[in-house]
Each structure stands twice: as structure tokens, then as C-alpha cells.
PDB file of N, CA and C in Angstrom:
ATOM      1  N   UNK A   1      -2.832 -16.314  10.739  1.00  0.00           N
ATOM      2  CA  UNK A   1      -3.546 -14.839   9.988  1.00  0.00           C
ATOM      3  C   UNK A   1      -4.301 -15.426   8.691  1.00  0.00           C
ATOM      4  N   UNK A   2      -5.378 -14.964   8.343  1.00  0.00           N
ATOM      5  CA  UNK A   2      -5.661 -15.194   7.120  1.00  0.00           C
ATOM      6  C   UNK A   2      -5.873 -14.095   6.537  1.00  0.00           C
ATOM      7  N   UNK A   3      -6.308 -14.441   4.857  1.00  0.00           N
ATOM      8  CA  UNK A   3      -6.254 -13.567   4.047  1.00  0.00           C
ATOM      9  C   UNK A   3      -7.420 -12.900   4.264  1.00  0.00           C
ATOM     10  N   UNK A   4      -7.744 -11.188   4.405  1.00  0.00           N
ATOM     11  CA  UNK A   4      -8.695 -11.014   4.432  1.00  0.00           C
ATOM     12  C   UNK A   4      -9.577 -10.373   3.122  1.00  0.00           C
ATOM     13  N   UNK A   5     -10.141 -11.355   2.387  1.00  0.00           N
ATOM     14  CA  UNK A   5     -10.346 -11.130   1.498  1.00  0.00           C
ATOM     15  C   UNK A   5     -11.770  -9.915   0.921  1.00  0.00           C
ATOM     16  N   UNK A   6     -12.498  -9.846   2.111  1.00  0.00           N
ATOM     17  CA  UNK A   6     -13.298  -8.476   2.072  1.00  0.00           C
ATOM     18  C   UNK A   6     -12.772  -7.079   2.182  1.00  0.00           C
ATOM     19  N   UNK A   7     -11.505  -7.035   2.643  1.00  0.00           N
ATOM     20  CA  UNK A   7     -10.250  -6.072   2.422  1.00  0.00           C
ATOM     21  C   UNK A   7      -9.733  -5.678   1.196  1.00  0.00           C
ATOM     22  N   UNK A   8      -9.368  -6.766   0.542  1.00  0.00           N
ATOM     23  CA  UNK A   8      -9.007  -7.059  -0.496  1.00  0.00           C
ATOM     24  C   UNK A   8     -10.017  -6.383  -1.843  1.00  0.00           C
ATOM     25  N   UNK A   9     -11.376  -7.007  -1.389  1.00  0.00           N
ATOM     26  CA  UNK A   9     -12.325  -6.290  -2.267  1.00  0.00           C
ATOM     27  C   UNK A   9     -12.826  -4.617  -1.975  1.00  0.00           C
ATOM     28  N   UNK A  10     -12.551  -4.605  -0.856  1.00  0.00           N
ATOM     29  CA  UNK A  10     -12.826  -2.846  -0.312  1.00  0.00           C
ATOM     30  C   UNK A  10     -11.714  -2.071  -1.167  1.00  0.00           C
ATOM     31  N   UNK A  11     -10.355  -2.656  -0.794  1.00  0.00           N
ATOM     32  CA  UNK A  11      -9.471  -1.742  -1.143  1.00  0.00           C
ATOM     33  C   UNK A  11      -9.576  -1.599  -2.904  1.00  0.00           C
ATOM     34  N   UNK A  12      -9.666  -2.794  -3.265  1.00  0.00           N
ATOM     35  CA  UNK A  12     -10.236  -2.682  -5.025  1.00  0.00           C
ATOM     36  C   UNK A  12     -11.424  -1.545  -5.390  1.00  0.00           C
ATOM     37  N   UNK A  13     -12.248  -1.870  -4.475  1.00  0.00           N
ATOM     38  CA  UNK A  13     -13.291  -0.511  -5.077  1.00  0.00           C
ATOM     39  C   UNK A  13     -12.910   0.479  -4.907  1.00  0.00           C
ATOM     40  N   UNK A  14     -12.472   0.938  -3.685  1.00  0.00           N
ATOM     41  CA  UNK A  14     -11.932   2.227  -3.231  1.00  0.00           C
ATOM     42  C   UNK A  14     -11.348   2.907  -4.364  1.00  0.00           C
ATOM     43  N   UNK A  15      -9.968   1.942  -5.340  1.00  0.00           N
ATOM     44  CA  UNK A  15      -8.929   2.420  -5.566  1.00  0.00           C
ATOM     45  C   UNK A  15      -9.333   2.340  -7.628  1.00  0.00           C
ATOM     46  N   UNK A  16     -10.839   1.980  -7.519  1.00  0.00           N
ATOM     47  CA  UNK A  16     -11.368   1.376  -8.829  1.00  0.00           C
ATOM     48  C   UNK A  16     -10.765   0.889  -9.643  1.00  0.00           C
ATOM     49  N   UNK A  17     -10.092  -0.544  -9.065  1.00  0.00           N
ATOM     50  CA  UNK A  17      -9.241  -1.406 -10.007  1.00  0.00           C
ATOM     51  C   UNK A  17     -10.178  -2.811  -9.424  1.00  0.00           C
ATOM     52  N   UNK A  18     -10.347  -3.353 -10.559  1.00  0.00           N
ATOM     53  CA  UNK A  18     -11.013  -4.626 -10.605  1.00  0.00           C
ATOM     54  C   UNK A  18      -9.927  -6.153  -9.882  1.00  0.00           C
ATOM     55  N   UNK A  19     -10.552  -6.827  -8.983  1.00  0.00           N
ATOM     56  CA  UNK A  19      -9.789  -8.082  -8.407  1.00  0.00           C
ATOM     57  C   UNK A  19      -9.124  -8.719  -9.819  1.00  0.00           C
ATOM     58  N   UNK A  20      -9.761  -8.874 -11.008  1.00  0.00           N
ATOM     59  CA  UNK A  20      -8.983  -9.585 -11.838  1.00  0.00           C
ATOM     60  C   UNK A  20      -7.999  -8.346 -11.971  1.00  0.00           C
ATOM     61  N   UNK A  21      -8.020  -7.494 -12.308  1.00  0.00           N
ATOM     62  CA  UNK A  21      -6.830  -6.340 -13.022  1.00  0.00           C
ATOM     63  C   UNK A  21      -6.015  -6.366 -11.677  1.00  0.00           C
ATOM     64  N   UNK A  22      -6.165  -6.422 -10.415  1.00  0.00           N
ATOM     65  CA  UNK A  22      -5.200  -6.434  -9.707  1.00  0.00           C
ATOM     66  C   UNK A  22      -4.085  -8.071  -9.360  1.00  0.00           C
ATOM     67  N   UNK A  23      -4.804  -8.724  -9.701  1.00  0.00           N
ATOM     68  CA  UNK A  23      -4.338 -10.123  -9.817  1.00  0.00           C
ATOM     69  C   UNK A  23      -3.206 -10.015 -11.149  1.00  0.00           C
ATOM     70  N   UNK A  24      -3.717  -9.729 -11.969  1.00  0.00           N
ATOM     71  CA  UNK A  24      -2.863  -9.827 -13.192  1.00  0.00           C
ATOM     72  C   UNK A  24      -1.586  -8.829 -13.037  1.00  0.00           C
ATOM     73  N   UNK A  25      -1.860  -7.414 -12.643  1.00  0.00           N
ATOM     74  CA  UNK A  25      -0.926  -6.609 -12.307  1.00  0.00           C
ATOM     75  C   UNK A  25      -0.131  -7.088 -11.427  1.00  0.00           C
ATOM     76  N   UNK A  26      -0.407  -7.671 -10.216  1.00  0.00           N
ATOM     77  CA  UNK A  26       0.538  -8.317  -8.966  1.00  0.00           C
ATOM     78  C   UNK A  26       0.989  -9.687  -9.738  1.00  0.00           C
ATOM     79  N   UNK A  27       0.696 -10.498 -10.664  1.00  0.00           N
ATOM     80  CA  UNK A  27       1.317 -11.430 -11.473  1.00  0.00           C
ATOM     81  C   UNK A  27       1.096 -12.711 -10.422  1.00  0.00           C
ATOM     82  N   UNK A  28      -0.359 -12.859  -9.862  1.00  0.00           N
ATOM     83  CA  UNK A  28      -0.757 -13.325  -8.717  1.00  0.00           C
ATOM     84  C   UNK A  28      -2.077 -14.060  -9.860  1.00  0.00           C
ATOM     85  N   UNK A  29      -1.986 -15.689 -10.132  1.00  0.00           N
ATOM     86  CA  UNK A  29      -2.886 -16.615 -10.831  1.00  0.00           C
ATOM     87  C   UNK A  29      -4.202 -16.544  -9.658  1.00  0.00           C
ATOM     88  N   UNK A  30      -5.426 -16.496 -10.497  1.00  0.00           N
ATOM     89  CA  UNK A  30      -6.846 -16.691  -9.851  1.00  0.00           C
ATOM     90  C   UNK A  30      -6.806 -17.795  -8.437  1.00  0.00           C
ATOM     91  N   UNK A  31      -6.238 -18.632  -9.232  1.00  0.00           N
ATOM     92  CA  UNK A  31      -5.752 -20.008  -8.647  1.00  0.00           C
ATOM     93  C   UNK A  31      -5.428 -19.940  -7.053  1.00  0.00           C
ATOM     94  N   UNK A  32      -4.115 -19.276  -7.357  1.00  0.00           N
ATOM     95  CA  UNK A  32      -3.646 -18.751  -6.038  1.00  0.00           C
ATOM     96  C   UNK A  32      -3.660 -18.006  -4.981  1.00  0.00           C
ATOM     97  N   UNK A  33      -4.820 -16.908  -5.555  1.00  0.00           N
ATOM     98  CA  UNK A  33      -5.621 -16.166  -4.932  1.00  0.00           C
ATOM     99  C   UNK A  33      -6.380 -16.937  -3.930  1.00  0.00           C
ATOM    100  N   UNK A  34      -7.389 -18.113  -4.583  1.00  0.00           N
ATOM    101  CA  UNK A  34      -8.258 -18.255  -3.861  1.00  0.00           C
ATOM    102  C   UNK A  34      -8.233 -19.308  -3.071  1.00  0.00           C
ATOM    103  N   UNK A  35      -6.624 -19.894  -3.587  1.00  0.00           N
ATOM    104  CA  UNK A  35      -6.188 -21.368  -2.772  1.00  0.00           C
ATOM    105  C   UNK A  35      -6.140 -20.333  -0.934  1.00  0.00           C
ATOM    106  N   UNK A  36      -5.007 -19.506  -1.513  1.00  0.00           N
ATOM    107  CA  UNK A  36      -4.903 -18.739   0.057  1.00  0.00           C
ATOM    108  C   UNK A  36      -6.106 -18.166   0.299  1.00  0.00           C
ATOM    109  N   UNK A  37      -7.168 -17.555   0.083  1.00  0.00           N
ATOM    110  CA  UNK A  37      -8.225 -17.231   0.744  1.00  0.00           C
ATOM    111  C   UNK A  37      -8.657 -18.234   1.735  1.00  0.00           C
ATOM    112  N   UNK A  38      -8.848 -19.517   1.123  1.00  0.00           N
ATOM    113  CA  UNK A  38      -9.209 -20.943   1.924  1.00  0.00           C
ATOM    114  C   UNK A  38      -8.494 -21.258   3.170  1.00  0.00           C
ATOM    115  N   UNK A  39      -7.355 -20.844   2.831  1.00  0.00           N
ATOM    116  CA  UNK A  39      -6.418 -21.298   3.971  1.00  0.00           C
ATOM    117  C   UNK A  39      -6.817 -20.647   5.332  1.00  0.00           C
ATOM    118  N   UNK A  40      -6.358 -21.803   6.620  1.00  0.00           N
ATOM    119  CA  UNK A  40      -6.705 -20.996   7.608  1.00  0.00           C
ATOM    120  C   UNK A  40      -5.607 -20.181   8.290  1.00  0.00           C
ATOM    121  N   UNK A  41      -4.083 -20.198   7.644  1.00  0.00           N
ATOM    122  CA  UNK A  41      -3.539 -19.255   8.066  1.00  0.00           C
ATOM    123  C   UNK A  41      -2.274 -18.970   6.826  1.00  0.00           C
ATOM    124  N   UNK A  42      -1.933 -17.840   6.188  1.00  0.00           N
ATOM    125  CA  UNK A  42      -1.047 -17.525   5.050  1.00  0.00           C
ATOM    126  C   UNK A  42       0.146 -17.690   5.488  1.00  0.00           C
ATOM    127  N   UNK A  43       0.371 -17.534   6.781  1.00  0.00           N
ATOM    128  CA  UNK A  43       1.694 -17.775   7.228  1.00  0.00           C
ATOM    129  C   UNK A  43       2.214 -19.131   7.200  1.00  0.00           C
ATOM    130  N   UNK A  44       3.396 -19.046   6.852  1.00  0.00           N
ATOM    131  CA  UNK A  44       4.635 -19.933   6.850  1.00  0.00           C
ATOM    132  C   UNK A  44       4.129 -20.584   8.552  1.00  0.00           C
ATOM    133  N   UNK A  45       4.070 -22.354   8.231  1.00  0.00           N
ATOM    134  CA  UNK A  45       4.301 -23.060   9.422  1.00  0.00           C
ATOM    135  C   UNK A  45       5.154 -22.853  10.429  1.00  0.00           C
ATOM    136  N   UNK A  46       6.683 -22.456   9.954  1.00  0.00           N
ATOM    137  CA  UNK A  46       7.659 -22.188  10.644  1.00  0.00           C
ATOM    138  C   UNK A  46       7.710 -20.876  11.687  1.00  0.00           C
ATOM    139  N   UNK A  47       7.229 -19.791  10.666  1.00  0.00           N
ATOM    140  CA  UNK A  47       6.524 -18.598  11.800  1.00  0.00           C
ATOM    141  C   UNK A  47       5.428 -18.918  12.961  1.00  0.00           C
ATOM    142  N   UNK A  48       4.564 -19.523  12.474  1.00  0.00           N
ATOM    143  CA  UNK A  48       3.563 -20.181  13.677  1.00  0.00           C
ATOM    144  C   UNK A  48       4.076 -20.692  14.452  1.00  0.00           C
ATOM    145  N   UNK A  49       5.093 -21.608  14.655  1.00  0.00           N
ATOM    146  CA  UNK A  49       6.007 -22.548  15.487  1.00  0.00           C
ATOM    147  C   UNK A  49       6.579 -21.334  16.170  1.00  0.00           C
ATOM    148  N   UNK A  50       7.547 -20.804  15.460  1.00  0.00           N
ATOM    149  CA  UNK A  50       8.025 -19.599  16.418  1.00  0.00           C
ATOM    150  C   UNK A  50       7.562 -18.717  17.528  1.00  0.00           C
ATOM    151  N   UNK A  51       6.200 -18.380  16.778  1.00  0.00           N
ATOM    152  CA  UNK A  51       5.228 -17.786  17.443  1.00  0.00           C
ATOM    153  C   UNK A  51       4.752 -18.324  18.974  1.00  0.00           C
ATOM    154  N   UNK A  52       4.133 -19.783  18.723  1.00  0.00           N
ATOM    155  CA  UNK A  52       3.859 -20.628  19.626  1.00  0.00           C
ATOM    156  C   UNK A  52       5.014 -20.822  20.364  1.00  0.00           C
ATOM    157  N   UNK A  53       6.137 -20.815  20.401  1.00  0.00           N
ATOM    158  CA  UNK A  53       7.081 -21.219  20.938  1.00  0.00           C
ATOM    159  C   UNK A  53       7.428 -19.954  21.955  1.00  0.00           C
ATOM    160  N   UNK A  54       6.909 -18.785  21.634  1.00  0.00           N
ATOM    161  CA  UNK A  54       7.493 -18.124  22.408  1.00  0.00           C
ATOM    162  C   UNK A  54       5.942 -17.319  23.216  1.00  0.00           C
ATOM    163  N   UNK A  55       4.780 -17.683  22.930  1.00  0.00           N
ATOM    164  CA  UNK A  55       3.772 -17.609  23.724  1.00  0.00           C
ATOM    165  C   UNK A  55       2.988 -16.286  23.012  1.00  0.00           C
ATOM    166  N   UNK A  56       3.548 -16.166  21.899  1.00  0.00           N
ATOM    167  CA  UNK A  56       2.764 -14.558  21.330  1.00  0.00           C
ATOM    168  C   UNK A  56       2.194 -14.514  20.033  1.00  0.00           C
ATOM    169  N   UNK A  57       1.377 -13.812  19.270  1.00  0.00           N
ATOM    170  CA  UNK A  57       1.192 -13.752  17.940  1.00  0.00           C
ATOM    171  C   UNK A  57       2.254 -13.930  17.118  1.00  0.00           C
ATOM    172  N   UNK A  58       1.919 -14.220  16.078  1.00  0.00           N
ATOM    173  CA  UNK A  58       3.218 -14.008  14.844  1.00  0.00           C
ATOM    174  C   UNK A  58       3.299 -12.522  14.498  1.00  0.00           C
ATOM    175  N   UNK A  59       2.344 -11.972  14.700  1.00  0.00           N
ATOM    176  CA  UNK A  59       2.325 -10.613  14.432  1.00  0.00           C
ATOM    177  C   UNK A  59       3.361  -9.440  15.291  1.00  0.00           C
ATOM    178  N   UNK A  60       3.525 -10.176  16.521  1.00  0.00           N
ATOM    179  CA  UNK A  60       4.324  -9.310  17.411  1.00  0.00           C
ATOM    180  C   UNK A  60       6.093  -9.162  16.846  1.00  0.00           C
ATOM    181  N   UNK A  61       6.319  -9.927  16.094  1.00  0.00           N
ATOM    182  CA  UNK A  61       7.485 -10.210  15.637  1.00  0.00           C
ATOM    183  C   UNK A  61       7.785  -9.892  14.227  1.00  0.00           C
ATOM    184  N   UNK A  62       6.411  -9.904  13.436  1.00  0.00           N
ATOM    185  CA  UNK A  62       6.762  -9.344  11.854  1.00  0.00           C
ATOM    186  C   UNK A  62       6.650  -8.102  11.930  1.00  0.00           C
ATOM    187  N   UNK A  63       7.484  -7.498  10.841  1.00  0.00           N
ATOM    188  CA  UNK A  63       7.310  -6.005  10.451  1.00  0.00           C
ATOM    189  C   UNK A  63       7.076  -5.871   8.910  1.00  0.00           C
ATOM    190  N   UNK A  64       6.610  -4.740   8.899  1.00  0.00           N
ATOM    191  CA  UNK A  64       6.549  -4.706   7.288  1.00  0.00           C
ATOM    192  C   UNK A  64       7.332  -2.964   7.076  1.00  0.00           C
ATOM    193  N   UNK A  65       8.285  -3.370   6.320  1.00  0.00           N
ATOM    194  CA  UNK A  65       9.396  -2.199   6.120  1.00  0.00           C
ATOM    195  C   UNK A  65       9.821  -2.229   4.906  1.00  0.00           C
ATOM    196  N   UNK A  66       9.441  -1.254   4.004  1.00  0.00           N
ATOM    197  CA  UNK A  66      10.073  -1.460   2.534  1.00  0.00           C
ATOM    198  C   UNK A  66      11.123  -0.571   2.659  1.00  0.00           C
ATOM    199  N   UNK A  67      12.426  -1.231   1.791  1.00  0.00           N
ATOM    200  CA  UNK A  67      13.684  -0.178   1.857  1.00  0.00           C
ATOM    201  C   UNK A  67      13.446   1.116   0.758  1.00  0.00           C
ATOM    202  N   UNK A  68      14.265   1.896   1.136  1.00  0.00           N
ATOM    203  CA  UNK A  68      13.821   2.953   0.351  1.00  0.00           C
ATOM    204  C   UNK A  68      13.726   2.969  -1.046  1.00  0.00           C
ATOM    205  N   UNK A  69      14.763   1.831  -1.933  1.00  0.00           N
ATOM    206  CA  UNK A  69      14.794   1.414  -3.349  1.00  0.00           C
ATOM    207  C   UNK A  69      13.325   0.983  -3.590  1.00  0.00           C
ATOM    208  N   UNK A  70      12.727  -0.098  -2.528  1.00  0.00           N
ATOM    209  CA  UNK A  70      11.930  -0.777  -3.072  1.00  0.00           C
ATOM    210  C   UNK A  70      10.823   0.371  -2.832  1.00  0.00           C
ATOM    211  N   UNK A  71      10.912   1.569  -1.808  1.00  0.00           N
ATOM    212  CA  UNK A  71       9.509   2.385  -2.018  1.00  0.00           C
ATOM    213  C   UNK A  71       9.557   3.443  -3.180  1.00  0.00           C
ATOM    214  N   UNK A  72      10.843   3.873  -3.543  1.00  0.00           N
ATOM    215  CA  UNK A  72      10.622   4.494  -4.489  1.00  0.00           C
ATOM    216  C   UNK A  72      10.371   3.302  -5.780  1.00  0.00           C
ATOM    217  N   UNK A  73      10.568   2.238  -6.090  1.00  0.00           N
ATOM    218  CA  UNK A  73      10.485   1.491  -7.409  1.00  0.00           C
ATOM    219  C   UNK A  73       8.645   1.504  -7.149  1.00  0.00           C
ATOM    220  N   UNK A  74       7.941   1.527  -5.813  1.00  0.00           N
ATOM    221  CA  UNK A  74       6.427   1.422  -6.005  1.00  0.00           C
ATOM    222  C   UNK A  74       5.818   2.512  -6.177  1.00  0.00           C
ATOM    223  N   UNK A  75       6.616   3.678  -5.802  1.00  0.00           N
ATOM    224  CA  UNK A  75       6.097   5.116  -6.074  1.00  0.00           C
ATOM    225  C   UNK A  75       6.380   5.423  -7.356  1.00  0.00           C
ATOM    226  N   UNK A  76       7.384   5.121  -8.344  1.00  0.00           N
ATOM    227  CA  UNK A  76       7.113   5.332  -9.960  1.00  0.00           C
ATOM    228  C   UNK A  76       6.152   4.135 -10.323  1.00  0.00           C
ATOM    229  N   UNK A  77       5.921   2.968 -10.090  1.00  0.00           N
ATOM    230  CA  UNK A  77       5.004   2.455 -10.349  1.00  0.00           C
ATOM    231  C   UNK A  77       3.391   3.209 -10.483  1.00  0.00           C
ATOM    232  N   UNK A  78       3.346   3.597  -9.224  1.00  0.00           N
ATOM    233  CA  UNK A  78       2.130   4.338  -9.351  1.00  0.00           C
ATOM    234  C   UNK A  78       1.854   5.554 -10.442  1.00  0.00           C
ATOM    235  N   UNK A  79       3.174   6.180 -10.184  1.00  0.00           N
ATOM    236  CA  UNK A  79       3.151   7.113 -11.492  1.00  0.00           C
ATOM    237  C   UNK A  79       3.083   6.756 -12.695  1.00  0.00           C
ATOM    238  N   UNK A  80       3.304   5.659 -13.030  1.00  0.00           N
ATOM    239  CA  UNK A  80       3.236   5.058 -14.473  1.00  0.00           C
ATOM    240  C   UNK A  80       1.991   4.596 -14.535  1.00  0.00           C
ATOM    241  N   UNK A  81       1.156   4.284 -13.493  1.00  0.00           N
ATOM    242  CA  UNK A  81      -0.321   3.451 -13.814  1.00  0.00           C
ATOM    243  C   UNK A  81      -1.111   4.665 -14.207  1.00  0.00           C
ATOM    244  N   UNK A  82      -0.772   5.693 -13.200  1.00  0.00           N
ATOM    245  CA  UNK A  82      -1.839   7.213 -13.240  1.00  0.00           C
ATOM    246  C   UNK A  82      -1.431   7.644 -14.736  1.00  0.00           C
ATOM    247  N   UNK A  83      -0.302   7.524 -15.191  1.00  0.00           N
ATOM    248  CA  UNK A  83       0.353   8.286 -16.492  1.00  0.00           C
ATOM    249  C   UNK A  83      -0.451   7.214 -17.669  1.00  0.00           C
ATOM    250  N   UNK A  84      -0.247   6.008 -17.381  1.00  0.00           N
ATOM    251  CA  UNK A  84      -1.025   5.330 -18.528  1.00  0.00           C
ATOM    252  C   UNK A  84      -2.781   5.646 -18.606  1.00  0.00           C
ATOM    253  N   UNK A  85      -3.613   6.189 -17.657  1.00  0.00           N
ATOM    254  CA  UNK A  85      -4.974   6.375 -17.645  1.00  0.00           C
ATOM    255  C   UNK A  85      -4.999   7.720 -17.605  1.00  0.00           C
ATOM    256  N   UNK A  86      -4.102   8.368 -17.427  1.00  0.00           N
ATOM    257  CA  UNK A  86      -4.071  10.114 -17.621  1.00  0.00           C
ATOM    258  C   UNK A  86      -3.241  10.362 -18.624  1.00  0.00           C
ATOM    259  N   UNK A  87      -3.547  11.436 -19.560  1.00  0.00           N
ATOM    260  CA  UNK A  87      -2.431  12.073 -20.019  1.00  0.00           C
ATOM    261  C   UNK A  87      -1.716  13.184 -19.216  1.00  0.00           C
ATOM    262  N   UNK A  88      -0.664  12.484 -18.366  1.00  0.00           N
ATOM    263  CA  UNK A  88       0.245  13.509 -17.419  1.00  0.00           C
ATOM    264  C   UNK A  88       1.578  14.089 -18.202  1.00  0.00           C
ATOM    265  N   UNK A  89       1.883  15.544 -18.164  1.00  0.00           N
ATOM    266  CA  UNK A  89       2.795  16.085 -18.367  1.00  0.00           C
ATOM    267  C   UNK A  89       4.004  16.397 -17.438  1.00  0.00           C
ATOM    268  N   UNK A  90       3.178  16.396 -16.574  1.00  0.00           N
ATOM    269  CA  UNK A  90       4.353  16.696 -15.158  1.00  0.00           C
ATOM    270  C   UNK A  90       4.306  15.425 -14.163  1.00  0.00           C
ATOM    271  N   UNK A  91       5.464  14.394 -14.463  1.00  0.00           N
ATOM    272  CA  UNK A  91       5.453  13.223 -13.225  1.00  0.00           C
ATOM    273  C   UNK A  91       5.878  13.914 -12.233  1.00  0.00           C
ATOM    274  N   UNK A  92       6.486  14.403 -11.734  1.00  0.00           N
ATOM    275  CA  UNK A  92       7.043  15.503 -10.710  1.00  0.00           C
ATOM    276  C   UNK A  92       5.725  15.882  -9.818  1.00  0.00           C
ATOM    277  N   UNK A  93       5.012  16.401 -10.470  1.00  0.00           N
ATOM    278  CA  UNK A  93       3.931  17.177  -9.817  1.00  0.00           C
ATOM    279  C   UNK A  93       2.876  16.015  -8.834  1.00  0.00           C
ATOM    280  N   UNK A  94       2.699  14.720 -10.218  1.00  0.00           N
ATOM    281  CA  UNK A  94       2.179  13.540  -9.811  1.00  0.00           C
ATOM    282  C   UNK A  94       2.666  13.019  -8.444  1.00  0.00           C
ATOM    283  N   UNK A  95       4.079  12.757  -8.275  1.00  0.00           N
ATOM    284  CA  UNK A  95       4.957  12.278  -7.611  1.00  0.00           C
ATOM    285  C   UNK A  95       4.718  13.045  -6.316  1.00  0.00           C
ATOM    286  N   UNK A  96       4.875  14.461  -6.279  1.00  0.00           N
ATOM    287  CA  UNK A  96       4.786  15.100  -5.055  1.00  0.00           C
ATOM    288  C   UNK A  96       3.319  14.942  -4.562  1.00  0.00           C
ATOM    289  N   UNK A  97       2.392  14.946  -5.059  1.00  0.00           N
ATOM    290  CA  UNK A  97       0.865  14.749  -4.677  1.00  0.00           C
ATOM    291  C   UNK A  97       0.749  13.033  -3.967  1.00  0.00           C
ATOM    292  N   UNK A  98       1.394  12.117  -4.715  1.00  0.00           N
ATOM    293  CA  UNK A  98       1.238  10.764  -4.369  1.00  0.00           C
ATOM    294  C   UNK A  98       2.136  10.888  -2.839  1.00  0.00           C
ATOM    295  N   UNK A  99       3.116  11.472  -2.644  1.00  0.00           N
ATOM    296  CA  UNK A  99       3.792  11.883  -1.170  1.00  0.00           C
ATOM    297  C   UNK A  99       3.025  12.379  -0.084  1.00  0.00           C
ATOM    298  N   UNK A 100       2.562  13.710  -0.780  1.00  0.00           N
ATOM    299  CA  UNK A 100       1.602  14.118   0.620  1.00  0.00           C
ATOM    300  C   UNK A 100       0.443  13.550   1.007  1.00  0.00           C
ATOM    301  N   UNK A 101      -0.155  12.423  -0.213  1.00  0.00           N
ATOM    302  CA  UNK A 101      -1.084  11.605  -0.030  1.00  0.00           C
ATOM    303  C   UNK A 101      -0.907  10.811   1.288  1.00  0.00           C
ATOM    304  N   UNK A 102       0.282  10.382   1.415  1.00  0.00           N
ATOM    305  CA  UNK A 102       1.036   9.501   2.568  1.00  0.00           C
ATOM    306  C   UNK A 102       0.799  10.259   3.910  1.00  0.00           C
ATOM    307  N   UNK A 103       0.846  11.275   4.063  1.00  0.00           N
ATOM    308  CA  UNK A 103       0.892  11.845   5.167  1.00  0.00           C
ATOM    309  C   UNK A 103      -0.613  11.580   5.818  1.00  0.00           C
ATOM    310  N   UNK A 104      -0.432  12.005   6.962  1.00  0.00           N
ATOM    311  CA  UNK A 104      -2.025  12.073   7.547  1.00  0.00           C
ATOM    312  C   UNK A 104      -2.761  13.351   7.117  1.00  0.00           C
ATOM    313  N   UNK A 105      -3.787  13.605   7.146  1.00  0.00           N
ATOM    314  CA  UNK A 105      -4.455  15.059   6.489  1.00  0.00           C
ATOM    315  C   UNK A 105      -4.302  15.821   7.692  1.00  0.00           C
ATOM    316  N   UNK A 106      -4.342  15.496   8.819  1.00  0.00           N
ATOM    317  CA  UNK A 106      -4.179  16.638   9.996  1.00  0.00           C
ATOM    318  C   UNK A 106      -2.598  17.129   9.988  1.00  0.00           C
ATOM    319  N   UNK A 107      -1.925  16.472   9.652  1.00  0.00           N
ATOM    320  CA  UNK A 107      -0.512  16.765   9.477  1.00  0.00           C
ATOM    321  C   UNK A 107      -0.523  17.869   8.381  1.00  0.00           C
ATOM    322  N   UNK A 108      -1.071  17.325   7.087  1.00  0.00           N
ATOM    323  CA  UNK A 108      -0.973  18.479   5.999  1.00  0.00           C
ATOM    324  C   UNK A 108      -1.615  19.951   6.210  1.00  0.00           C
ATOM    325  N   UNK A 109      -2.562  19.796   6.655  1.00  0.00           N
ATOM    326  CA  UNK A 109      -3.476  20.689   7.021  1.00  0.00           C
ATOM    327  C   UNK A 109      -2.989  21.414   8.392  1.00  0.00           C
ATOM    328  N   UNK A 110      -2.140  21.340   8.986  1.00  0.00           N
ATOM    329  CA  UNK A 110      -1.061  21.952  10.055  1.00  0.00           C
ATOM    330  C   UNK A 110      -0.096  22.796   9.095  1.00  0.00           C
ATOM    331  N   UNK A 111       0.674  21.986   8.194  1.00  0.00           N
ATOM    332  CA  UNK A 111       1.335  22.718   7.231  1.00  0.00           C
ATOM    333  C   UNK A 111       1.065  23.913   6.698  1.00  0.00           C
ATOM    334  N   UNK A 112       0.000  23.439   6.347  1.00  0.00           N
ATOM    335  CA  UNK A 112      -0.762  24.549   5.414  1.00  0.00           C
ATOM    336  C   UNK A 112      -0.587  25.542   6.327  1.00  0.00           C
ATOM    337  N   UNK A 113      -1.596  25.321   7.504  1.00  0.00           N
ATOM    338  CA  UNK A 113      -2.137  26.351   7.924  1.00  0.00           C
ATOM    339  C   UNK A 113      -1.011  27.482   8.532  1.00  0.00           C
ATOM    340  N   UNK A 114       0.230  26.706   8.983  1.00  0.00           N
ATOM    341  CA  UNK A 114       1.503  27.481   9.187  1.00  0.00           C
ATOM    342  C   UNK A 114       2.237  28.103   8.125  1.00  0.00           C
ATOM    343  N   UNK A 115       2.213  27.741   6.943  1.00  0.00           N
ATOM    344  CA  UNK A 115       2.556  28.536   5.904  1.00  0.00           C
ATOM    345  C   UNK A 115       1.989  29.571   5.450  1.00  0.00           C
ATOM    346  N   UNK A 116       0.452  29.520   5.672  1.00  0.00           N
ATOM    347  CA  UNK A 116      -0.533  30.880   5.345  1.00  0.00           C
ATOM    348  C   UNK A 116      -0.249  31.531   6.516  1.00  0.00           C
ATOM    349  N   UNK A 117       0.113  31.329   7.804  1.00  0.00           N
ATOM    350  CA  UNK A 117       0.193  32.270   8.609  1.00  0.00           C
ATOM    351  C   UNK A 117       1.538  33.172   8.544  1.00  0.00           C
ATOM    352  N   UNK A 118       2.679  32.901   7.916  1.00  0.00           N
ATOM    353  CA  UNK A 118       3.717  33.335   7.903  1.00  0.00           C
ATOM    354  C   UNK A 118       3.688  34.670   6.889  1.00  0.00           C
ATOM    355  N   UNK A 119       4.469  35.447   7.132  1.00  0.00           N
ATOM    356  CA  UNK A 119       4.452  36.793   6.259  1.00  0.00           C
ATOM    357  C   UNK A 119       5.095  36.639   4.829  1.00  0.00           C
ATOM    358  N   UNK A 120       4.341  37.359   4.158  1.00  0.00           N
ATOM    359  CA  UNK A 120       5.114  37.108   3.046  1.00  0.00           C
ATOM    360  C   UNK A 120       6.263  37.702   2.681  1.00  0.00           C
ATOM    361  N   UNK A 121       7.688  36.866   2.487  1.00  0.00           N
ATOM    362  CA  UNK A 121       8.495  37.528   2.545  1.00  0.00           C
ATOM    363  C   UNK A 121       9.094  38.303   1.112  1.00  0.00           C
ATOM    364  N   UNK A 122       8.388  38.253   0.193  1.00  0.00           N
ATOM    365  CA  UNK A 122       8.491  38.520  -1.265  1.00  0.00           C
ATOM    366  C   UNK A 122       8.117  39.689  -1.711  1.00  0.00           C
TER     367      UNK A 122
END
């Protein structure tokens, strides 16, 4: 598995962050990033050997899962970054918005339509 440099650049552009700012925030040196970008595989040799021994792709048995505490830490980091660039007074509103943006748009739309069809009980 190679580092998809084009995808990194595209994601940076979508989020309005320069590559240099991303590397600085992630505490990854430019040298380390460009070294990884030139490697034929960023996976450790042991992972590739296990996959080869099983006759599967390494991605078959790799999973990406954040613990709830790691997920909360990342969310708080996002809120802090937004707060640094914009004078936000309601962190809970930002948190709620970020959580909604993690959902698929169709799911958000369905929930809103369902909520809109309920009779007003107040």
C-alpha cells in the first residue's frame, strides 16, 4: 500500500489547509512525509509477510477503528481548530454540527423529513 500523495493534496485543498500546515499540526517532518511518498509500500514488512502467507491483500485483515476516547479527542481537536479561526461562543453547537456532518447526507435528510412530518405537540 502506497501513500496516495494526490489524495492527501486533494483533502488538504478541500479543507483549506496547506500541506505544510497539515504536516506541522500532525508533527510529521517534511522529510518523513516525502520519504513515505517515495516508498513502494508504507506497510511494515511483517504485515506484508503475513498477508503474503495467507494469500490475501494486507487490507483484508487491517481495520481502522478509533476508541471512543480517541474519537472524542479528535472531535475536541477539530472544535479547537475551528475556534482558533472563528470566534465561536457555543462549542456545543460546533460539536453537534461536526457530529451531524459525519452522517450520510441522505440519513440527515430522512431524519429531518420525518421530524417535519410529526405533528407539533407544543
